[in-house]
Amino acid sequence: MTTSNTPNMLDYEAERRSFHLEVPEYFNFATDVIGKWAQDPNRLAMMWAGPDGSERHISFTTFAERSNKAANAFAHLGIQKGDAILIMLPRIPEWWESVLALMKLGAIFIPCTTLLTPQDIEHRIHVAEAKGFITDSEGAAKLDQIRTNCPTLRHTVMIEPDADLARREGWTSYH
């Protein structure tokens, strides 16, 4: 039995020399890609399964709308283009909403694993000269241990029900 393996290109060097990528002068993934896909309200972006077995079906339209709200809220807090913002969350839908919102603002999002220790967080804040930190109650507890050592940090956002915020001074509710 013989098979035909016709290559996609016959002359690699000629292909490499002639290759050209069209790159727009201004490009924002959150608006140019997600925003375009959001024009179809039925276009599914994510099927998210929670740790309790619950499921959420989230459209690109929902992500576009929720990230717009988050971008407006972040801008109201004072987050600006070029600001470094650490995001330390499990992979919940709000992680993507926050990332897209920061992209829309031109802020620099720095994803962090939830396994970081307070010292790890402090190191990353210092190195990045981070101005913000977005996390959940577990991450907030870690940041609270070292917060006074982080003079560049101005904005702290917690993705938790408001009841948890009542016990945490200096945190803004995401919701």
N, C-alpha and C. Protein backbone atom coordinates (compact mmCIF):
# COMPACT_ATOMS: atom_id res chain seq x y z
N MET A 1 0.84 -1.17 0.00
CA MET A 1 0.00 0.00 0.00
C MET A 1 0.89 1.24 0.00
N THR A 2 0.64 2.14 -0.89
CA THR A 2 1.42 3.38 -0.94
C THR A 2 0.51 4.56 -0.61
N THR A 3 1.11 5.54 0.03
CA THR A 3 0.36 6.76 0.35
C THR A 3 1.08 7.94 -0.27
N SER A 4 0.33 8.91 -0.62
CA SER A 4 0.88 10.11 -1.22
C SER A 4 0.99 11.20 -0.16
N ASN A 5 2.18 11.67 0.09
CA ASN A 5 2.42 12.76 1.04
C ASN A 5 2.86 14.00 0.28
N THR A 6 1.92 14.68 -0.31
CA THR A 6 2.24 15.90 -1.05
C THR A 6 2.43 17.03 -0.05
N PRO A 7 3.59 17.66 -0.06
CA PRO A 7 3.82 18.75 0.89
C PRO A 7 2.98 19.98 0.54
N ASN A 8 2.74 20.78 1.56
CA ASN A 8 2.00 22.02 1.34
C ASN A 8 2.83 23.02 0.54
N MET A 9 4.12 22.92 0.66
CA MET A 9 4.99 23.80 -0.12
C MET A 9 6.08 22.96 -0.76
N LEU A 10 6.47 23.35 -1.91
CA LEU A 10 7.48 22.58 -2.64
C LEU A 10 8.87 23.14 -2.45
N ASP A 11 8.98 24.43 -2.15
CA ASP A 11 10.29 25.07 -1.99
C ASP A 11 10.27 25.91 -0.72
N TYR A 12 10.78 25.34 0.36
CA TYR A 12 10.74 26.00 1.67
C TYR A 12 11.43 27.36 1.62
N GLU A 13 12.60 27.44 1.06
CA GLU A 13 13.35 28.71 1.03
C GLU A 13 12.60 29.79 0.26
N ALA A 14 12.01 29.43 -0.86
CA ALA A 14 11.22 30.41 -1.63
C ALA A 14 10.01 30.85 -0.82
N GLU A 15 9.38 29.92 -0.15
CA GLU A 15 8.21 30.25 0.68
C GLU A 15 8.63 31.18 1.83
N ARG A 16 9.74 30.88 2.46
CA ARG A 16 10.24 31.70 3.58
C ARG A 16 10.56 33.11 3.11
N ARG A 17 11.20 33.25 1.97
CA ARG A 17 11.56 34.57 1.43
C ARG A 17 10.32 35.40 1.08
N SER A 18 9.29 34.74 0.59
CA SER A 18 8.12 35.49 0.12
C SER A 18 7.06 35.66 1.22
N PHE A 19 7.27 35.03 2.36
CA PHE A 19 6.26 35.11 3.42
C PHE A 19 6.15 36.54 3.96
N HIS A 20 4.92 37.00 4.12
CA HIS A 20 4.67 38.33 4.68
C HIS A 20 3.40 38.26 5.52
N LEU A 21 3.47 38.80 6.69
CA LEU A 21 2.33 38.82 7.60
C LEU A 21 1.74 40.22 7.62
N GLU A 22 0.45 40.34 7.41
CA GLU A 22 -0.23 41.63 7.47
C GLU A 22 -0.54 41.93 8.94
N VAL A 23 0.13 42.92 9.49
CA VAL A 23 -0.07 43.29 10.88
C VAL A 23 -0.61 44.71 10.94
N PRO A 24 -1.80 44.89 11.51
CA PRO A 24 -2.36 46.24 11.59
C PRO A 24 -1.53 47.11 12.53
N GLU A 25 -1.59 48.41 12.32
CA GLU A 25 -0.84 49.33 13.17
C GLU A 25 -1.32 49.23 14.61
N TYR A 26 -2.62 49.14 14.80
CA TYR A 26 -3.19 49.01 16.14
C TYR A 26 -4.03 47.74 16.17
N PHE A 27 -3.75 46.89 17.14
CA PHE A 27 -4.47 45.63 17.27
C PHE A 27 -4.73 45.39 18.74
N ASN A 28 -5.95 45.03 19.07
CA ASN A 28 -6.30 44.67 20.43
C ASN A 28 -7.14 43.40 20.35
N PHE A 29 -6.59 42.31 20.85
CA PHE A 29 -7.26 41.01 20.76
C PHE A 29 -8.67 41.07 21.34
N ALA A 30 -8.82 41.76 22.47
CA ALA A 30 -10.12 41.80 23.15
C ALA A 30 -11.20 42.46 22.29
N THR A 31 -10.84 43.48 21.57
CA THR A 31 -11.84 44.17 20.74
C THR A 31 -11.86 43.64 19.31
N ASP A 32 -10.70 43.40 18.73
CA ASP A 32 -10.63 43.01 17.32
C ASP A 32 -11.02 41.55 17.07
N VAL A 33 -10.81 40.68 18.04
CA VAL A 33 -11.16 39.27 17.86
C VAL A 33 -12.42 38.93 18.65
N ILE A 34 -12.35 39.08 19.97
CA ILE A 34 -13.51 38.74 20.80
C ILE A 34 -14.70 39.62 20.41
N GLY A 35 -14.45 40.90 20.22
CA GLY A 35 -15.53 41.82 19.82
C GLY A 35 -16.18 41.42 18.51
N LYS A 36 -15.38 40.97 17.56
CA LYS A 36 -15.93 40.53 16.27
C LYS A 36 -16.77 39.26 16.45
N TRP A 37 -16.24 38.30 17.20
CA TRP A 37 -16.99 37.06 17.42
C TRP A 37 -18.25 37.32 18.23
N ALA A 38 -18.24 38.37 19.06
CA ALA A 38 -19.40 38.70 19.90
C ALA A 38 -20.58 39.22 19.09
N GLN A 39 -20.35 39.56 17.84
CA GLN A 39 -21.46 40.04 17.00
C GLN A 39 -22.51 38.96 16.78
N ASP A 40 -22.13 37.72 16.94
CA ASP A 40 -23.08 36.61 16.87
C ASP A 40 -23.43 36.23 18.31
N PRO A 41 -24.62 36.61 18.80
CA PRO A 41 -24.96 36.38 20.21
C PRO A 41 -25.05 34.90 20.59
N ASN A 42 -25.11 34.03 19.61
CA ASN A 42 -25.21 32.59 19.90
C ASN A 42 -23.87 31.88 19.83
N ARG A 43 -22.81 32.60 19.51
CA ARG A 43 -21.50 31.96 19.35
C ARG A 43 -20.91 31.63 20.73
N LEU A 44 -20.77 30.36 21.00
CA LEU A 44 -20.30 29.89 22.29
C LEU A 44 -18.79 30.10 22.44
N ALA A 45 -18.40 30.72 23.52
CA ALA A 45 -16.98 30.94 23.81
C ALA A 45 -16.44 29.89 24.76
N MET A 46 -17.27 29.48 25.73
CA MET A 46 -16.77 28.58 26.76
C MET A 46 -17.89 27.75 27.36
N MET A 47 -17.56 26.50 27.59
CA MET A 47 -18.40 25.63 28.41
C MET A 47 -17.58 25.39 29.67
N TRP A 48 -17.95 26.07 30.75
CA TRP A 48 -17.17 26.03 31.98
C TRP A 48 -17.81 25.06 32.97
N ALA A 49 -17.00 24.20 33.55
CA ALA A 49 -17.48 23.26 34.56
C ALA A 49 -16.86 23.64 35.90
N GLY A 50 -17.70 23.87 36.89
CA GLY A 50 -17.24 24.25 38.22
C GLY A 50 -16.84 23.04 39.04
N PRO A 51 -16.15 23.28 40.15
CA PRO A 51 -15.69 22.17 40.99
C PRO A 51 -16.85 21.37 41.59
N ASP A 52 -18.04 21.98 41.67
CA ASP A 52 -19.22 21.28 42.20
C ASP A 52 -20.00 20.56 41.12
N GLY A 53 -19.48 20.57 39.90
CA GLY A 53 -20.15 19.91 38.79
C GLY A 53 -21.10 20.80 38.02
N SER A 54 -21.27 22.03 38.47
CA SER A 54 -22.15 22.96 37.74
C SER A 54 -21.51 23.33 36.41
N GLU A 55 -22.35 23.70 35.46
CA GLU A 55 -21.87 24.10 34.15
C GLU A 55 -22.42 25.46 33.78
N ARG A 56 -21.59 26.21 33.07
CA ARG A 56 -22.01 27.49 32.51
C ARG A 56 -21.63 27.53 31.05
N HIS A 57 -22.57 27.95 30.21
CA HIS A 57 -22.31 28.14 28.79
C HIS A 57 -22.23 29.64 28.57
N ILE A 58 -21.06 30.11 28.16
CA ILE A 58 -20.80 31.54 28.07
C ILE A 58 -20.51 31.91 26.62
N SER A 59 -21.25 32.88 26.12
CA SER A 59 -21.07 33.31 24.73
C SER A 59 -19.98 34.38 24.65
N PHE A 60 -19.49 34.60 23.43
CA PHE A 60 -18.54 35.69 23.22
C PHE A 60 -19.20 37.03 23.52
N THR A 61 -20.50 37.14 23.26
CA THR A 61 -21.23 38.37 23.57
C THR A 61 -21.18 38.65 25.07
N THR A 62 -21.39 37.63 25.87
CA THR A 62 -21.34 37.78 27.33
C THR A 62 -19.94 38.21 27.76
N PHE A 63 -18.91 37.56 27.22
CA PHE A 63 -17.54 37.95 27.57
C PHE A 63 -17.26 39.39 27.16
N ALA A 64 -17.72 39.79 25.99
CA ALA A 64 -17.49 41.16 25.53
C ALA A 64 -18.18 42.15 26.46
N GLU A 65 -19.43 41.87 26.81
CA GLU A 65 -20.19 42.79 27.68
C GLU A 65 -19.59 42.85 29.08
N ARG A 66 -19.30 41.69 29.66
CA ARG A 66 -18.77 41.66 31.03
C ARG A 66 -17.36 42.25 31.10
N SER A 67 -16.56 42.02 30.07
CA SER A 67 -15.21 42.62 30.08
C SER A 67 -15.28 44.13 29.85
N ASN A 68 -16.30 44.60 29.12
CA ASN A 68 -16.51 46.06 29.00
C ASN A 68 -16.81 46.67 30.36
N LYS A 69 -17.70 46.02 31.11
CA LYS A 69 -18.04 46.51 32.45
C LYS A 69 -16.81 46.50 33.36
N ALA A 70 -16.06 45.43 33.30
CA ALA A 70 -14.86 45.33 34.13
C ALA A 70 -13.84 46.39 33.72
N ALA A 71 -13.67 46.60 32.42
CA ALA A 71 -12.72 47.63 31.95
C ALA A 71 -13.14 49.01 32.45
N ASN A 72 -14.43 49.30 32.40
CA ASN A 72 -14.91 50.59 32.91
C ASN A 72 -14.65 50.72 34.41
N ALA A 73 -14.91 49.65 35.15
CA ALA A 73 -14.67 49.67 36.60
C ALA A 73 -13.18 49.81 36.90
N PHE A 74 -12.34 49.08 36.17
CA PHE A 74 -10.89 49.18 36.40
C PHE A 74 -10.40 50.59 36.07
N ALA A 75 -10.90 51.16 35.00
CA ALA A 75 -10.51 52.53 34.64
C ALA A 75 -10.96 53.51 35.73
N HIS A 76 -12.15 53.30 36.28
CA HIS A 76 -12.65 54.15 37.36
C HIS A 76 -11.74 54.06 38.59
N LEU A 77 -11.17 52.86 38.83
CA LEU A 77 -10.22 52.70 39.94
C LEU A 77 -8.92 53.45 39.68
N GLY A 78 -8.61 53.67 38.40
CA GLY A 78 -7.38 54.36 38.05
C GLY A 78 -6.39 53.52 37.28
N ILE A 79 -6.77 52.30 36.90
CA ILE A 79 -5.89 51.44 36.11
C ILE A 79 -5.81 52.03 34.70
N GLN A 80 -4.58 52.18 34.21
CA GLN A 80 -4.35 52.83 32.93
C GLN A 80 -3.49 51.98 32.01
N LYS A 81 -3.40 52.44 30.78
CA LYS A 81 -2.54 51.80 29.78
C LYS A 81 -1.12 51.71 30.33
N GLY A 82 -0.53 50.52 30.20
CA GLY A 82 0.83 50.31 30.64
C GLY A 82 0.97 49.85 32.08
N ASP A 83 -0.09 49.94 32.88
CA ASP A 83 -0.01 49.49 34.28
C ASP A 83 0.10 47.98 34.33
N ALA A 84 0.99 47.48 35.17
CA ALA A 84 1.14 46.04 35.37
C ALA A 84 0.16 45.60 36.46
N ILE A 85 -0.64 44.58 36.16
CA ILE A 85 -1.65 44.09 37.08
C ILE A 85 -1.50 42.57 37.20
N LEU A 86 -1.28 42.09 38.41
CA LEU A 86 -1.20 40.65 38.64
C LEU A 86 -2.59 40.08 38.78
N ILE A 87 -2.81 38.92 38.17
CA ILE A 87 -4.08 38.20 38.29
C ILE A 87 -3.76 36.81 38.84
N MET A 88 -4.25 36.57 40.05
CA MET A 88 -4.02 35.26 40.68
C MET A 88 -5.38 34.67 41.05
N LEU A 89 -5.92 33.92 40.11
CA LEU A 89 -7.23 33.30 40.26
C LEU A 89 -7.20 31.88 39.71
N PRO A 90 -8.07 31.04 40.26
CA PRO A 90 -8.28 29.76 39.55
C PRO A 90 -8.95 30.09 38.22
N ARG A 91 -9.02 29.16 37.32
CA ARG A 91 -9.56 29.43 35.99
C ARG A 91 -11.09 29.47 36.02
N ILE A 92 -11.58 30.55 36.59
CA ILE A 92 -13.00 30.83 36.62
C ILE A 92 -13.31 31.83 35.51
N PRO A 93 -14.55 31.95 35.08
CA PRO A 93 -14.86 32.88 33.99
C PRO A 93 -14.37 34.31 34.26
N GLU A 94 -14.38 34.75 35.50
CA GLU A 94 -13.91 36.10 35.82
C GLU A 94 -12.43 36.30 35.50
N TRP A 95 -11.66 35.22 35.44
CA TRP A 95 -10.25 35.33 35.03
C TRP A 95 -10.19 35.86 33.60
N TRP A 96 -10.97 35.25 32.70
CA TRP A 96 -10.97 35.68 31.31
C TRP A 96 -11.57 37.08 31.16
N GLU A 97 -12.63 37.36 31.91
CA GLU A 97 -13.22 38.70 31.86
C GLU A 97 -12.20 39.76 32.26
N SER A 98 -11.45 39.48 33.33
CA SER A 98 -10.44 40.43 33.81
C SER A 98 -9.33 40.62 32.79
N VAL A 99 -8.86 39.53 32.23
CA VAL A 99 -7.79 39.61 31.23
C VAL A 99 -8.25 40.43 30.02
N LEU A 100 -9.44 40.15 29.52
CA LEU A 100 -9.96 40.90 28.37
C LEU A 100 -10.14 42.37 28.72
N ALA A 101 -10.63 42.66 29.93
CA ALA A 101 -10.81 44.04 30.37
C ALA A 101 -9.48 44.78 30.41
N LEU A 102 -8.45 44.13 30.93
CA LEU A 102 -7.13 44.77 31.00
C LEU A 102 -6.56 44.98 29.61
N MET A 103 -6.80 44.03 28.70
CA MET A 103 -6.37 44.21 27.31
C MET A 103 -7.03 45.44 26.71
N LYS A 104 -8.33 45.61 26.95
CA LYS A 104 -9.06 46.75 26.40
C LYS A 104 -8.48 48.07 26.89
N LEU A 105 -7.97 48.07 28.13
CA LEU A 105 -7.37 49.29 28.69
C LEU A 105 -5.92 49.49 28.24
N GLY A 106 -5.31 48.43 27.72
CA GLY A 106 -3.89 48.51 27.38
C GLY A 106 -3.01 48.26 28.59
N ALA A 107 -3.60 47.74 29.66
CA ALA A 107 -2.80 47.38 30.85
C ALA A 107 -2.09 46.06 30.58
N ILE A 108 -1.09 45.78 31.36
CA ILE A 108 -0.30 44.57 31.20
C ILE A 108 -0.75 43.57 32.25
N PHE A 109 -1.39 42.51 31.82
CA PHE A 109 -1.83 41.51 32.80
C PHE A 109 -0.73 40.48 33.00
N ILE A 110 -0.53 40.12 34.26
CA ILE A 110 0.49 39.15 34.63
C ILE A 110 -0.21 37.99 35.32
N PRO A 111 -0.44 36.88 34.60
CA PRO A 111 -1.10 35.74 35.22
C PRO A 111 -0.19 35.05 36.23
N CYS A 112 -0.75 34.70 37.37
CA CYS A 112 0.00 34.05 38.43
C CYS A 112 -0.72 32.78 38.87
N THR A 113 0.02 31.76 39.17
CA THR A 113 -0.57 30.54 39.69
C THR A 113 -1.08 30.78 41.11
N THR A 114 -2.15 30.09 41.47
CA THR A 114 -2.70 30.23 42.81
C THR A 114 -1.81 29.58 43.87
N LEU A 115 -0.76 28.90 43.45
CA LEU A 115 0.15 28.24 44.38
C LEU A 115 1.23 29.18 44.93
N LEU A 116 1.25 30.44 44.48
CA LEU A 116 2.27 31.36 44.97
C LEU A 116 2.16 31.59 46.47
N THR A 117 3.31 31.75 47.09
CA THR A 117 3.35 32.11 48.52
C THR A 117 3.33 33.63 48.63
N PRO A 118 3.09 34.17 49.83
CA PRO A 118 3.16 35.62 49.99
C PRO A 118 4.49 36.20 49.51
N GLN A 119 5.58 35.52 49.77
CA GLN A 119 6.89 36.02 49.33
C GLN A 119 7.01 36.00 47.81
N ASP A 120 6.46 34.98 47.17
CA ASP A 120 6.44 34.92 45.70
C ASP A 120 5.67 36.11 45.13
N ILE A 121 4.52 36.39 45.73
CA ILE A 121 3.69 37.51 45.28
C ILE A 121 4.45 38.82 45.44
N GLU A 122 5.06 39.00 46.61
CA GLU A 122 5.82 40.23 46.87
C GLU A 122 6.93 40.40 45.84
N HIS A 123 7.64 39.34 45.53
CA HIS A 123 8.72 39.39 44.54
C HIS A 123 8.19 39.83 43.18
N ARG A 124 7.09 39.23 42.74
CA ARG A 124 6.52 39.58 41.43
C ARG A 124 6.03 41.03 41.39
N ILE A 125 5.43 41.48 42.48
CA ILE A 125 4.97 42.87 42.54
C ILE A 125 6.16 43.82 42.41
N HIS A 126 7.26 43.52 43.13
CA HIS A 126 8.44 44.38 43.06
C HIS A 126 9.08 44.38 41.67
N VAL A 127 9.27 43.20 41.11
CA VAL A 127 9.93 43.10 39.81
C VAL A 127 9.12 43.80 38.72
N ALA A 128 7.79 43.61 38.75
CA ALA A 128 6.93 44.19 37.71
C ALA A 128 6.52 45.62 38.03
N GLU A 129 6.83 46.07 39.25
CA GLU A 129 6.33 47.37 39.73
C GLU A 129 4.82 47.42 39.52
N ALA A 130 4.18 46.33 39.93
CA ALA A 130 2.75 46.15 39.72
C ALA A 130 1.94 47.21 40.47
N LYS A 131 0.91 47.67 39.79
CA LYS A 131 0.01 48.66 40.38
C LYS A 131 -1.28 48.03 40.87
N GLY A 132 -1.55 46.78 40.46
CA GLY A 132 -2.80 46.16 40.85
C GLY A 132 -2.68 44.67 41.05
N PHE A 133 -3.67 44.14 41.77
CA PHE A 133 -3.70 42.71 42.08
C PHE A 133 -5.17 42.29 42.08
N ILE A 134 -5.51 41.29 41.26
CA ILE A 134 -6.86 40.76 41.17
C ILE A 134 -6.80 39.31 41.63
N THR A 135 -7.63 38.95 42.63
CA THR A 135 -7.55 37.62 43.20
C THR A 135 -8.86 37.24 43.88
N ASP A 136 -8.84 36.09 44.56
CA ASP A 136 -9.98 35.65 45.36
C ASP A 136 -9.61 35.76 46.83
N SER A 137 -10.43 35.24 47.73
CA SER A 137 -10.16 35.40 49.17
C SER A 137 -8.88 34.71 49.60
N GLU A 138 -8.54 33.59 49.00
CA GLU A 138 -7.28 32.91 49.36
C GLU A 138 -6.08 33.76 48.97
N GLY A 139 -6.11 34.33 47.78
CA GLY A 139 -5.02 35.20 47.35
C GLY A 139 -4.97 36.48 48.15
N ALA A 140 -6.15 36.99 48.52
CA ALA A 140 -6.21 38.22 49.33
C ALA A 140 -5.52 38.00 50.68
N ALA A 141 -5.75 36.84 51.28
CA ALA A 141 -5.10 36.54 52.56
C ALA A 141 -3.59 36.53 52.42
N LYS A 142 -3.09 36.02 51.30
CA LYS A 142 -1.64 36.00 51.06
C LYS A 142 -1.11 37.42 50.85
N LEU A 143 -1.82 38.20 50.05
CA LEU A 143 -1.36 39.57 49.79
C LEU A 143 -1.40 40.41 51.06
N ASP A 144 -2.43 40.24 51.87
CA ASP A 144 -2.55 41.02 53.10
C ASP A 144 -1.32 40.84 54.00
N GLN A 145 -0.65 39.70 53.92
CA GLN A 145 0.54 39.44 54.74
C GLN A 145 1.73 40.30 54.35
N ILE A 146 1.79 40.72 53.08
CA ILE A 146 2.99 41.43 52.59
C ILE A 146 2.66 42.78 51.96
N ARG A 147 1.42 43.17 52.04
CA ARG A 147 0.95 44.38 51.35
C ARG A 147 1.75 45.63 51.73
N THR A 148 2.10 45.78 52.98
CA THR A 148 2.83 46.98 53.40
C THR A 148 4.23 47.04 52.79
N ASN A 149 4.73 45.94 52.26
CA ASN A 149 6.05 45.91 51.62
C ASN A 149 5.98 46.23 50.13
N CYS A 150 4.80 46.59 49.63
CA CYS A 150 4.59 46.77 48.20
C CYS A 150 4.10 48.19 47.90
N PRO A 151 4.99 49.16 47.88
CA PRO A 151 4.57 50.56 47.72
C PRO A 151 3.97 50.90 46.35
N THR A 152 4.25 50.12 45.32
CA THR A 152 3.68 50.43 43.99
C THR A 152 2.23 49.99 43.86
N LEU A 153 1.79 49.10 44.74
CA LEU A 153 0.45 48.51 44.65
C LEU A 153 -0.61 49.52 45.08
N ARG A 154 -1.52 49.84 44.17
CA ARG A 154 -2.58 50.83 44.44
C ARG A 154 -3.98 50.26 44.36
N HIS A 155 -4.16 49.19 43.58
CA HIS A 155 -5.49 48.67 43.31
C HIS A 155 -5.55 47.19 43.65
N THR A 156 -6.48 46.82 44.54
CA THR A 156 -6.66 45.41 44.89
C THR A 156 -8.13 45.07 44.70
N VAL A 157 -8.37 44.05 43.90
CA VAL A 157 -9.73 43.65 43.54
C VAL A 157 -9.91 42.19 43.92
N MET A 158 -11.00 41.92 44.64
CA MET A 158 -11.29 40.55 45.06
C MET A 158 -12.57 40.07 44.40
N ILE A 159 -12.47 38.87 43.83
CA ILE A 159 -13.62 38.25 43.17
C ILE A 159 -14.23 37.28 44.17
N GLU A 160 -15.10 37.83 45.00
CA GLU A 160 -15.79 37.07 46.04
C GLU A 160 -17.11 37.75 46.33
N PRO A 161 -18.04 37.07 46.97
CA PRO A 161 -19.27 37.74 47.41
C PRO A 161 -18.94 38.87 48.37
N ASP A 162 -19.74 39.91 48.37
CA ASP A 162 -19.51 41.08 49.22
C ASP A 162 -19.38 40.76 50.70
N ALA A 163 -19.99 39.68 51.16
CA ALA A 163 -19.89 39.31 52.56
C ALA A 163 -18.44 39.08 52.96
N ASP A 164 -17.65 38.49 52.06
CA ASP A 164 -16.24 38.26 52.36
C ASP A 164 -15.46 39.56 52.40
N LEU A 165 -15.89 40.57 51.64
CA LEU A 165 -15.19 41.85 51.62
C LEU A 165 -15.34 42.60 52.94
N ALA A 166 -16.44 42.36 53.63
CA ALA A 166 -16.68 43.08 54.89
C ALA A 166 -15.57 42.81 55.89
N ARG A 167 -14.92 41.69 55.76
CA ARG A 167 -13.82 41.34 56.67
C ARG A 167 -12.46 41.77 56.13
N ARG A 168 -12.41 42.35 54.93
CA ARG A 168 -11.13 42.69 54.31
C ARG A 168 -11.07 44.17 53.98
N GLU A 169 -10.31 44.89 54.74
CA GLU A 169 -10.13 46.31 54.49
C GLU A 169 -9.19 46.52 53.30
N GLY A 170 -9.51 47.50 52.47
CA GLY A 170 -8.64 47.85 51.36
C GLY A 170 -8.87 47.07 50.08
N TRP A 171 -9.96 46.34 49.99
CA TRP A 171 -10.26 45.55 48.81
C TRP A 171 -11.51 46.08 48.12
N THR A 172 -11.51 46.04 46.81
CA THR A 172 -12.66 46.41 46.00
C THR A 172 -13.29 45.14 45.47
N SER A 173 -14.61 45.08 45.51
CA SER A 173 -15.33 43.91 44.99
C SER A 173 -15.35 43.95 43.47
N TYR A 174 -15.03 42.87 42.85
CA TYR A 174 -15.12 42.74 41.40
C TYR A 174 -16.57 42.85 40.96
N HIS A 175 -17.44 42.21 41.69
CA HIS A 175 -18.84 42.18 41.29
C HIS A 175 -19.55 43.47 41.63
